[in-house]
Protein backbone atom coordinates (compact mmCIF):
# COMPACT_ATOMS: atom_id res chain seq x y z
CA UNK A 1 0.96 -6.77 -33.37
CA UNK A 2 2.29 -3.58 -31.58
CA UNK A 3 5.84 -2.72 -30.68
CA UNK A 4 6.41 -1.13 -27.69
CA UNK A 5 9.57 0.93 -26.62
CA UNK A 6 8.76 2.03 -22.96
CA UNK A 7 6.83 1.17 -20.19
CA UNK A 8 4.39 3.86 -20.64
CA UNK A 9 3.59 2.55 -24.22
CA UNK A 10 3.08 -0.92 -22.67
CA UNK A 11 0.68 0.56 -19.93
CA UNK A 12 -1.17 2.40 -22.43
CA UNK A 13 -1.54 -0.74 -24.56
CA UNK A 14 -2.69 -2.87 -21.66
CA UNK A 15 -5.39 0.37 -20.51
CA UNK A 16 -7.09 -0.03 -24.08
CA UNK A 17 -7.62 -3.63 -23.54
CA UNK A 18 -11.33 -4.86 -22.51
CA UNK A 19 -13.77 -7.84 -22.88
CA UNK A 20 -13.87 -7.23 -26.45
CA UNK A 21 -10.27 -6.91 -26.88
CA UNK A 22 -8.87 -9.05 -24.59
CA UNK A 23 -5.79 -10.87 -26.05
CA UNK A 24 -2.79 -8.92 -27.58
CA UNK A 25 0.58 -9.41 -28.71
CA UNK A 26 3.07 -7.02 -28.30
CA UNK A 27 6.80 -6.87 -29.17
CA UNK A 28 9.43 -5.46 -26.94
CA UNK A 29 12.78 -5.15 -28.59
CA UNK A 30 15.51 -6.90 -26.84
CA UNK A 31 13.16 -9.33 -25.10
CA UNK A 32 10.69 -10.72 -27.51
CA UNK A 33 6.92 -11.19 -28.21
CA UNK A 34 4.45 -11.27 -25.46
CA UNK A 35 0.77 -12.48 -25.40
CA UNK A 36 -1.32 -10.46 -23.08
CA UNK A 37 -4.51 -11.91 -21.99
CA UNK A 38 -6.96 -9.94 -19.98
CA UNK A 39 -8.97 -12.44 -18.00
CA UNK A 40 -11.27 -10.43 -15.91
CA UNK A 41 -11.83 -6.57 -16.01
CA UNK A 42 -11.78 -4.74 -12.83
CA UNK A 43 -14.95 -3.81 -11.02
CA UNK A 44 -15.86 -0.20 -10.86
CA UNK A 45 -13.78 1.98 -8.45
CA UNK A 46 -15.63 3.01 -5.44
CA UNK A 47 -15.52 6.87 -7.05
CA UNK A 48 -16.87 5.62 -10.06
CA UNK A 49 -19.66 3.77 -8.54
CA UNK A 50 -20.64 6.83 -6.16
CA UNK A 51 -20.63 9.06 -9.53
CA UNK A 52 -23.05 6.56 -11.33
CA UNK A 53 -25.47 6.04 -8.19
CA UNK A 54 -27.13 8.96 -6.81
CA UNK A 55 -28.43 6.80 -3.81
CA UNK A 56 -25.15 5.70 -3.05
CA UNK A 57 -23.72 8.90 -3.05
CA UNK A 58 -26.24 10.36 -0.69
CA UNK A 59 -25.84 7.37 1.69
CA UNK A 60 -22.01 8.10 1.77
CA UNK A 61 -22.52 11.73 2.19
CA UNK A 62 -25.04 11.03 5.18
CA UNK A 63 -22.55 8.45 6.59
CA UNK A 64 -19.92 11.15 6.37
CA UNK A 65 -21.79 13.82 7.96
CA UNK A 66 -23.01 11.64 10.88
CA UNK A 67 -19.42 10.39 11.57
CA UNK A 68 -18.23 13.99 11.77
CA UNK A 69 -21.14 14.66 14.35
CA UNK A 70 -19.90 11.62 16.31
CA UNK A 71 -23.32 9.75 15.53
CA UNK A 72 -21.74 6.30 15.21
CA UNK A 73 -20.97 3.51 17.12
CA UNK A 74 -17.70 1.37 17.24
CA UNK A 75 -17.44 -2.40 17.09
CA UNK A 76 -17.63 -2.74 20.78
CA UNK A 77 -20.73 -0.68 21.21
CA UNK A 78 -22.44 -2.16 18.31
CA UNK A 79 -21.72 -5.76 19.65
CA UNK A 80 -23.07 -4.83 23.16
CA UNK A 81 -26.24 -3.18 21.53
CA UNK A 82 -27.44 -6.50 19.89
CA UNK A 83 -28.85 -9.68 21.26
CA UNK A 84 -29.64 -13.25 19.96
CA UNK A 85 -33.29 -12.09 20.09
CA UNK A 86 -32.45 -9.66 17.24
CA UNK A 87 -31.89 -12.64 14.91
CA UNK A 88 -34.63 -14.86 15.54
CA UNK A 89 -37.53 -15.02 13.02
């Protein structure tokens, strides 16, 4: 069991938790003993996903370039451009 004195130490402790190390006990002086359970790890952040997937990175770069050039549709324009026939098999 780790003794934590500050919120920074507590956040560092929580930050070290993962699926393999998902249950932890900490003692906070003046408060008591706490059991912390990591139930689910966060999904990758968008930035991490972009860094790990070259195709996604290229798609986002292309999308940003098109947006800057004005090559895009707003929702109203998109809805006006489709018809029920677009969804028929």
